[in-house]
Amino acid sequence: MIKNETVRSLPLAKEILKRGYCVRVPTLGRSMFPLISNIVLIGPAIVKDIIAGDIVVYISGERVVAHRMVRKLIKNGKEILLVKGDTWFESSTVFPEDVIGKVIGVEKWGIELNFKRGIGKIIDTICRSTSPII
């Protein structure tokens, strides 16, 4: 991970993730509030390893979006992901080739909360269990 630096360039972030490293990026939307509200830590992801409840980061048009994966579907012989923001009522579909990573943590109150351990894991577990989609 690039310590104390926020990546603001999509091509740079994609290249860093492709090489197997994590990136720290600012966020704008409110679809994943209150879990995501400021800065996210994105790690590389293999679509076959993504499970329901994981927050996938994907390209949608000209935007980068982070939404929780609801489930995987097969449509017309192709695998697609059904995703939804925690505060949204409707879901969207995402093609695996559009996925660039997975949220592995957030920065809140100036503290990095990693979803794999400690308080970050607790907060992620609570958000997964209270999300209306899971």
N, C-alpha and C. Protein backbone atom coordinates (compact mmCIF):
# COMPACT_ATOMS: atom_id res chain seq x y z
N MET A 1 0.84 -1.17 0.00
CA MET A 1 0.00 0.00 0.00
C MET A 1 0.89 1.24 0.00
N ILE A 2 0.39 2.29 -0.61
CA ILE A 2 1.11 3.56 -0.63
C ILE A 2 0.73 4.30 0.66
N LYS A 3 1.62 4.33 1.60
CA LYS A 3 1.33 4.92 2.90
C LYS A 3 1.13 6.43 2.80
N ASN A 4 0.07 6.90 3.47
CA ASN A 4 -0.24 8.32 3.60
C ASN A 4 -0.41 9.05 2.27
N GLU A 5 -0.59 8.33 1.20
CA GLU A 5 -0.84 8.96 -0.09
C GLU A 5 -2.16 8.44 -0.63
N THR A 6 -2.97 9.35 -1.14
CA THR A 6 -4.23 8.98 -1.73
C THR A 6 -4.09 9.00 -3.25
N VAL A 7 -4.49 7.91 -3.90
CA VAL A 7 -4.41 7.82 -5.35
C VAL A 7 -5.67 8.46 -5.94
N ARG A 8 -5.49 9.42 -6.82
CA ARG A 8 -6.62 10.12 -7.42
C ARG A 8 -6.73 9.88 -8.93
N SER A 9 -5.90 9.02 -9.45
CA SER A 9 -5.88 8.73 -10.87
C SER A 9 -6.37 7.31 -11.10
N LEU A 10 -7.45 7.14 -11.85
CA LEU A 10 -7.99 5.81 -12.11
C LEU A 10 -6.99 4.92 -12.83
N PRO A 11 -6.34 5.37 -13.90
CA PRO A 11 -5.37 4.48 -14.56
C PRO A 11 -4.25 4.04 -13.61
N LEU A 12 -3.78 4.94 -12.76
CA LEU A 12 -2.74 4.59 -11.80
C LEU A 12 -3.26 3.57 -10.78
N ALA A 13 -4.46 3.80 -10.26
CA ALA A 13 -5.05 2.88 -9.29
C ALA A 13 -5.23 1.49 -9.90
N LYS A 14 -5.73 1.42 -11.14
CA LYS A 14 -5.91 0.13 -11.81
C LYS A 14 -4.58 -0.60 -11.99
N GLU A 15 -3.54 0.13 -12.35
CA GLU A 15 -2.23 -0.47 -12.55
C GLU A 15 -1.66 -0.99 -11.22
N ILE A 16 -1.82 -0.23 -10.16
CA ILE A 16 -1.34 -0.65 -8.84
C ILE A 16 -2.07 -1.93 -8.40
N LEU A 17 -3.40 -1.96 -8.57
CA LEU A 17 -4.18 -3.14 -8.20
C LEU A 17 -3.81 -4.35 -9.06
N LYS A 18 -3.60 -4.12 -10.35
CA LYS A 18 -3.23 -5.20 -11.25
C LYS A 18 -1.92 -5.85 -10.83
N ARG A 19 -1.02 -5.05 -10.26
CA ARG A 19 0.28 -5.58 -9.81
C ARG A 19 0.21 -6.24 -8.43
N GLY A 20 -1.02 -6.25 -7.83
CA GLY A 20 -1.20 -6.97 -6.57
C GLY A 20 -1.07 -6.13 -5.32
N TYR A 21 -1.03 -4.80 -5.47
CA TYR A 21 -0.90 -3.91 -4.32
C TYR A 21 -2.25 -3.27 -3.99
N CYS A 22 -2.34 -2.66 -2.84
CA CYS A 22 -3.55 -1.97 -2.40
C CYS A 22 -3.42 -0.47 -2.69
N VAL A 23 -4.57 0.19 -2.80
CA VAL A 23 -4.58 1.64 -2.99
C VAL A 23 -5.56 2.27 -2.00
N ARG A 24 -5.30 3.51 -1.72
CA ARG A 24 -6.12 4.32 -0.82
C ARG A 24 -6.73 5.42 -1.68
N VAL A 25 -8.08 5.49 -1.73
CA VAL A 25 -8.72 6.47 -2.62
C VAL A 25 -9.83 7.23 -1.89
N PRO A 26 -10.06 8.48 -2.29
CA PRO A 26 -11.16 9.25 -1.69
C PRO A 26 -12.49 8.80 -2.28
N THR A 27 -13.57 9.02 -1.53
CA THR A 27 -14.91 8.66 -2.01
C THR A 27 -15.79 9.90 -2.08
N LEU A 28 -16.85 9.78 -2.88
CA LEU A 28 -17.77 10.90 -3.05
C LEU A 28 -19.21 10.56 -2.68
N GLY A 29 -19.69 9.41 -3.10
CA GLY A 29 -21.11 9.07 -2.97
C GLY A 29 -21.54 8.72 -1.56
N ARG A 30 -22.84 8.51 -1.41
CA ARG A 30 -23.43 8.18 -0.11
C ARG A 30 -24.11 6.80 -0.12
N SER A 31 -23.96 6.04 -1.19
CA SER A 31 -24.68 4.77 -1.30
C SER A 31 -24.21 3.72 -0.29
N MET A 32 -23.03 3.87 0.27
CA MET A 32 -22.52 2.91 1.24
C MET A 32 -22.37 3.52 2.63
N PHE A 33 -23.02 4.65 2.86
CA PHE A 33 -22.97 5.33 4.15
C PHE A 33 -23.72 4.47 5.17
N PRO A 34 -23.28 4.34 6.40
CA PRO A 34 -22.20 5.04 7.06
C PRO A 34 -20.85 4.33 6.99
N LEU A 35 -20.82 3.12 6.44
CA LEU A 35 -19.55 2.38 6.42
C LEU A 35 -18.49 3.13 5.64
N ILE A 36 -18.85 3.57 4.43
CA ILE A 36 -17.89 4.30 3.59
C ILE A 36 -18.33 5.75 3.52
N SER A 37 -17.46 6.63 3.98
CA SER A 37 -17.82 8.04 3.96
C SER A 37 -16.67 8.97 3.60
N ASN A 38 -15.45 8.49 3.55
CA ASN A 38 -14.31 9.38 3.34
C ASN A 38 -13.25 8.78 2.43
N ILE A 39 -12.52 7.84 2.96
CA ILE A 39 -11.40 7.20 2.25
C ILE A 39 -11.60 5.68 2.32
N VAL A 40 -11.36 4.99 1.20
CA VAL A 40 -11.41 3.53 1.20
C VAL A 40 -10.06 2.94 0.85
N LEU A 41 -9.82 1.76 1.36
CA LEU A 41 -8.62 1.00 1.03
C LEU A 41 -9.09 -0.13 0.12
N ILE A 42 -8.55 -0.16 -1.09
CA ILE A 42 -8.96 -1.14 -2.07
C ILE A 42 -7.82 -2.11 -2.31
N GLY A 43 -8.15 -3.38 -2.29
CA GLY A 43 -7.17 -4.42 -2.58
C GLY A 43 -7.52 -5.11 -3.87
N PRO A 44 -6.56 -5.80 -4.45
CA PRO A 44 -6.85 -6.56 -5.67
C PRO A 44 -7.87 -7.65 -5.37
N ALA A 45 -8.66 -8.02 -6.37
CA ALA A 45 -9.68 -9.05 -6.16
C ALA A 45 -9.77 -9.97 -7.36
N ILE A 46 -9.97 -11.23 -7.07
CA ILE A 46 -10.26 -12.22 -8.10
C ILE A 46 -11.75 -12.49 -7.99
N VAL A 47 -12.48 -12.30 -9.06
CA VAL A 47 -13.94 -12.38 -9.02
C VAL A 47 -14.42 -13.71 -8.46
N LYS A 48 -13.77 -14.80 -8.78
CA LYS A 48 -14.23 -16.10 -8.28
C LYS A 48 -14.12 -16.20 -6.76
N ASP A 49 -13.27 -15.38 -6.14
CA ASP A 49 -13.10 -15.40 -4.69
C ASP A 49 -14.01 -14.42 -3.96
N ILE A 50 -14.73 -13.58 -4.69
CA ILE A 50 -15.63 -12.61 -4.07
C ILE A 50 -16.89 -13.35 -3.60
N ILE A 51 -17.31 -13.06 -2.37
CA ILE A 51 -18.50 -13.71 -1.81
C ILE A 51 -19.55 -12.65 -1.49
N ALA A 52 -20.78 -13.11 -1.31
CA ALA A 52 -21.87 -12.21 -0.94
C ALA A 52 -21.48 -11.44 0.31
N GLY A 53 -21.69 -10.14 0.27
CA GLY A 53 -21.34 -9.27 1.39
C GLY A 53 -20.07 -8.49 1.16
N ASP A 54 -19.19 -8.98 0.27
CA ASP A 54 -17.97 -8.22 -0.05
C ASP A 54 -18.34 -6.94 -0.80
N ILE A 55 -17.54 -5.91 -0.61
CA ILE A 55 -17.76 -4.66 -1.32
C ILE A 55 -16.82 -4.63 -2.51
N VAL A 56 -17.40 -4.74 -3.70
CA VAL A 56 -16.60 -4.77 -4.93
C VAL A 56 -16.47 -3.36 -5.49
N VAL A 57 -15.34 -3.12 -6.11
CA VAL A 57 -15.07 -1.83 -6.76
C VAL A 57 -15.03 -2.12 -8.25
N TYR A 58 -15.84 -1.37 -9.00
CA TYR A 58 -15.96 -1.64 -10.42
C TYR A 58 -16.13 -0.35 -11.22
N ILE A 59 -15.91 -0.49 -12.52
CA ILE A 59 -16.06 0.65 -13.43
C ILE A 59 -17.49 0.62 -13.97
N SER A 60 -18.17 1.76 -13.91
CA SER A 60 -19.51 1.91 -14.46
C SER A 60 -19.51 3.19 -15.30
N GLY A 61 -19.38 3.01 -16.61
CA GLY A 61 -19.26 4.18 -17.48
C GLY A 61 -17.94 4.88 -17.22
N GLU A 62 -18.00 6.13 -16.80
CA GLU A 62 -16.80 6.90 -16.48
C GLU A 62 -16.52 6.95 -14.98
N ARG A 63 -17.34 6.25 -14.20
CA ARG A 63 -17.22 6.33 -12.74
C ARG A 63 -16.67 5.04 -12.15
N VAL A 64 -16.08 5.17 -10.98
CA VAL A 64 -15.66 4.02 -10.18
C VAL A 64 -16.67 3.91 -9.04
N VAL A 65 -17.22 2.73 -8.85
CA VAL A 65 -18.29 2.51 -7.88
C VAL A 65 -17.89 1.40 -6.92
N ALA A 66 -18.27 1.55 -5.65
CA ALA A 66 -18.06 0.50 -4.65
C ALA A 66 -19.43 0.14 -4.07
N HIS A 67 -19.88 -1.08 -4.34
CA HIS A 67 -21.15 -1.57 -3.80
C HIS A 67 -20.98 -2.98 -3.29
N ARG A 68 -21.88 -3.36 -2.42
CA ARG A 68 -21.84 -4.69 -1.82
C ARG A 68 -22.39 -5.72 -2.81
N MET A 69 -21.68 -6.85 -2.93
CA MET A 69 -22.13 -7.90 -3.83
C MET A 69 -23.22 -8.71 -3.14
N VAL A 70 -24.35 -8.85 -3.82
CA VAL A 70 -25.48 -9.60 -3.28
C VAL A 70 -25.34 -11.08 -3.62
N ARG A 71 -25.10 -11.35 -4.91
CA ARG A 71 -24.91 -12.73 -5.35
C ARG A 71 -24.40 -12.76 -6.77
N LYS A 72 -23.95 -13.94 -7.17
CA LYS A 72 -23.50 -14.16 -8.55
C LYS A 72 -24.62 -14.85 -9.31
N LEU A 73 -24.79 -14.45 -10.56
CA LEU A 73 -25.83 -15.02 -11.42
C LEU A 73 -25.21 -15.47 -12.73
N ILE A 74 -25.89 -16.36 -13.41
CA ILE A 74 -25.52 -16.73 -14.77
C ILE A 74 -26.63 -16.21 -15.67
N LYS A 75 -26.26 -15.34 -16.61
CA LYS A 75 -27.24 -14.75 -17.52
C LYS A 75 -26.71 -14.91 -18.94
N ASN A 76 -27.47 -15.55 -19.80
CA ASN A 76 -27.05 -15.82 -21.17
C ASN A 76 -25.68 -16.51 -21.21
N GLY A 77 -25.47 -17.43 -20.27
CA GLY A 77 -24.23 -18.18 -20.24
C GLY A 77 -23.03 -17.45 -19.66
N LYS A 78 -23.22 -16.20 -19.20
CA LYS A 78 -22.12 -15.42 -18.62
C LYS A 78 -22.39 -15.14 -17.15
N GLU A 79 -21.32 -15.22 -16.36
CA GLU A 79 -21.45 -14.88 -14.95
C GLU A 79 -21.53 -13.37 -14.79
N ILE A 80 -22.44 -12.92 -13.96
CA ILE A 80 -22.55 -11.50 -13.62
C ILE A 80 -22.71 -11.38 -12.11
N LEU A 81 -22.38 -10.22 -11.59
CA LEU A 81 -22.53 -9.96 -10.16
C LEU A 81 -23.72 -9.04 -9.95
N LEU A 82 -24.52 -9.35 -8.98
CA LEU A 82 -25.61 -8.47 -8.58
C LEU A 82 -25.10 -7.67 -7.39
N VAL A 83 -25.08 -6.35 -7.50
CA VAL A 83 -24.52 -5.48 -6.46
C VAL A 83 -25.54 -4.43 -6.04
N LYS A 84 -25.33 -3.86 -4.86
CA LYS A 84 -26.25 -2.84 -4.36
C LYS A 84 -25.55 -2.01 -3.29
N GLY A 85 -25.81 -0.72 -3.31
CA GLY A 85 -25.35 0.15 -2.23
C GLY A 85 -26.16 -0.13 -0.98
N ASP A 86 -25.56 -0.01 0.19
CA ASP A 86 -26.26 -0.31 1.45
C ASP A 86 -27.46 0.59 1.67
N THR A 87 -27.46 1.80 1.12
CA THR A 87 -28.58 2.71 1.34
C THR A 87 -29.53 2.77 0.14
N TRP A 88 -29.32 1.91 -0.85
CA TRP A 88 -30.17 1.90 -2.04
C TRP A 88 -31.18 0.77 -1.97
N PHE A 89 -32.30 0.94 -2.67
CA PHE A 89 -33.31 -0.11 -2.72
C PHE A 89 -33.13 -0.99 -3.95
N GLU A 90 -32.52 -0.46 -5.00
CA GLU A 90 -32.37 -1.21 -6.24
C GLU A 90 -30.96 -1.73 -6.41
N SER A 91 -30.86 -2.85 -7.11
CA SER A 91 -29.55 -3.44 -7.36
C SER A 91 -29.14 -3.22 -8.81
N SER A 92 -27.89 -3.48 -9.10
CA SER A 92 -27.33 -3.34 -10.45
C SER A 92 -26.58 -4.61 -10.78
N THR A 93 -26.32 -4.81 -12.06
CA THR A 93 -25.49 -5.94 -12.47
C THR A 93 -24.14 -5.44 -12.93
N VAL A 94 -23.13 -6.24 -12.68
CA VAL A 94 -21.75 -5.89 -13.02
C VAL A 94 -21.11 -7.10 -13.70
N PHE A 95 -20.41 -6.85 -14.78
CA PHE A 95 -19.67 -7.91 -15.45
C PHE A 95 -18.32 -8.09 -14.74
N PRO A 96 -17.87 -9.32 -14.60
CA PRO A 96 -16.59 -9.58 -13.91
C PRO A 96 -15.42 -8.76 -14.46
N GLU A 97 -15.40 -8.51 -15.76
CA GLU A 97 -14.28 -7.76 -16.34
C GLU A 97 -14.27 -6.29 -15.92
N ASP A 98 -15.38 -5.80 -15.35
CA ASP A 98 -15.44 -4.42 -14.88
C ASP A 98 -14.96 -4.26 -13.44
N VAL A 99 -14.78 -5.38 -12.73
CA VAL A 99 -14.33 -5.34 -11.34
C VAL A 99 -12.83 -5.06 -11.31
N ILE A 100 -12.44 -4.03 -10.54
CA ILE A 100 -11.01 -3.69 -10.43
C ILE A 100 -10.44 -4.00 -9.06
N GLY A 101 -11.30 -4.29 -8.08
CA GLY A 101 -10.80 -4.58 -6.74
C GLY A 101 -11.92 -4.79 -5.76
N LYS A 102 -11.52 -4.83 -4.49
CA LYS A 102 -12.46 -5.07 -3.40
C LYS A 102 -12.07 -4.17 -2.23
N VAL A 103 -13.06 -3.57 -1.58
CA VAL A 103 -12.77 -2.72 -0.42
C VAL A 103 -12.33 -3.62 0.73
N ILE A 104 -11.14 -3.32 1.27
CA ILE A 104 -10.61 -4.13 2.38
C ILE A 104 -10.55 -3.33 3.67
N GLY A 105 -10.90 -2.05 3.60
CA GLY A 105 -10.89 -1.22 4.79
C GLY A 105 -11.34 0.18 4.47
N VAL A 106 -11.52 0.96 5.50
CA VAL A 106 -11.92 2.36 5.36
C VAL A 106 -11.08 3.21 6.30
N GLU A 107 -11.06 4.49 6.02
CA GLU A 107 -10.44 5.42 6.96
C GLU A 107 -11.56 6.27 7.54
N LYS A 108 -11.70 6.21 8.85
CA LYS A 108 -12.72 6.99 9.56
C LYS A 108 -12.06 7.64 10.76
N TRP A 109 -12.43 8.85 10.99
CA TRP A 109 -11.93 9.59 12.15
C TRP A 109 -10.41 9.62 12.19
N GLY A 110 -9.79 9.59 11.01
CA GLY A 110 -8.34 9.61 10.93
C GLY A 110 -7.67 8.28 11.26
N ILE A 111 -8.46 7.24 11.40
CA ILE A 111 -7.95 5.91 11.74
C ILE A 111 -8.25 4.95 10.60
N GLU A 112 -7.25 4.13 10.25
CA GLU A 112 -7.46 3.11 9.22
C GLU A 112 -8.09 1.88 9.85
N LEU A 113 -9.27 1.49 9.36
CA LEU A 113 -9.98 0.32 9.87
C LEU A 113 -9.92 -0.77 8.82
N ASN A 114 -9.13 -1.80 9.08
CA ASN A 114 -8.97 -2.92 8.16
C ASN A 114 -10.07 -3.93 8.44
N PHE A 115 -10.78 -4.37 7.39
CA PHE A 115 -11.90 -5.30 7.56
C PHE A 115 -11.46 -6.71 7.95
N LYS A 116 -10.16 -6.98 7.95
CA LYS A 116 -9.69 -8.32 8.26
C LYS A 116 -9.37 -8.52 9.74
N ARG A 117 -9.33 -7.41 10.52
CA ARG A 117 -8.94 -7.57 11.92
C ARG A 117 -9.47 -6.41 12.77
N GLY A 118 -9.51 -6.65 14.06
CA GLY A 118 -9.84 -5.61 15.04
C GLY A 118 -11.20 -4.98 14.87
N ILE A 119 -11.27 -3.71 15.22
CA ILE A 119 -12.52 -2.96 15.18
C ILE A 119 -13.06 -2.84 13.75
N GLY A 120 -12.17 -2.80 12.77
CA GLY A 120 -12.60 -2.75 11.37
C GLY A 120 -13.40 -3.98 10.99
N LYS A 121 -12.96 -5.14 11.46
CA LYS A 121 -13.68 -6.39 11.18
C LYS A 121 -15.05 -6.37 11.87
N ILE A 122 -15.10 -5.86 13.08
CA ILE A 122 -16.36 -5.77 13.82
C ILE A 122 -17.34 -4.85 13.10
N ILE A 123 -16.86 -3.67 12.69
CA ILE A 123 -17.72 -2.71 11.99
C ILE A 123 -18.22 -3.30 10.67
N ASP A 124 -17.34 -3.95 9.91
CA ASP A 124 -17.75 -4.57 8.65
C ASP A 124 -18.78 -5.66 8.90
N THR A 125 -18.59 -6.47 9.92
CA THR A 125 -19.54 -7.55 10.24
C THR A 125 -20.90 -6.97 10.59
N ILE A 126 -20.93 -5.90 11.37
CA ILE A 126 -22.19 -5.25 11.73
C ILE A 126 -22.88 -4.71 10.48
N CYS A 127 -22.12 -4.03 9.61
CA CYS A 127 -22.72 -3.48 8.39
C CYS A 127 -23.22 -4.57 7.46
N ARG A 128 -22.48 -5.67 7.36
CA ARG A 128 -22.95 -6.81 6.54
C ARG A 128 -24.27 -7.35 7.07
N SER A 129 -24.35 -7.50 8.39
CA SER A 129 -25.52 -8.13 8.97
C SER A 129 -26.75 -7.21 9.02
N THR A 130 -26.52 -5.92 8.99
CA THR A 130 -27.65 -4.98 9.04
C THR A 130 -28.03 -4.45 7.67
N SER A 131 -27.21 -4.74 6.65
CA SER A 131 -27.53 -4.30 5.30
C SER A 131 -28.81 -4.99 4.84
N PRO A 132 -29.72 -4.25 4.21
CA PRO A 132 -30.98 -4.85 3.78
C PRO A 132 -30.84 -5.87 2.66
N ILE A 133 -29.64 -6.02 2.07
CA ILE A 133 -29.50 -6.91 0.93
C ILE A 133 -29.05 -8.30 1.28
N ILE A 134 -28.44 -8.47 2.41
CA ILE A 134 -27.80 -9.76 2.72
C ILE A 134 -28.79 -10.66 3.44
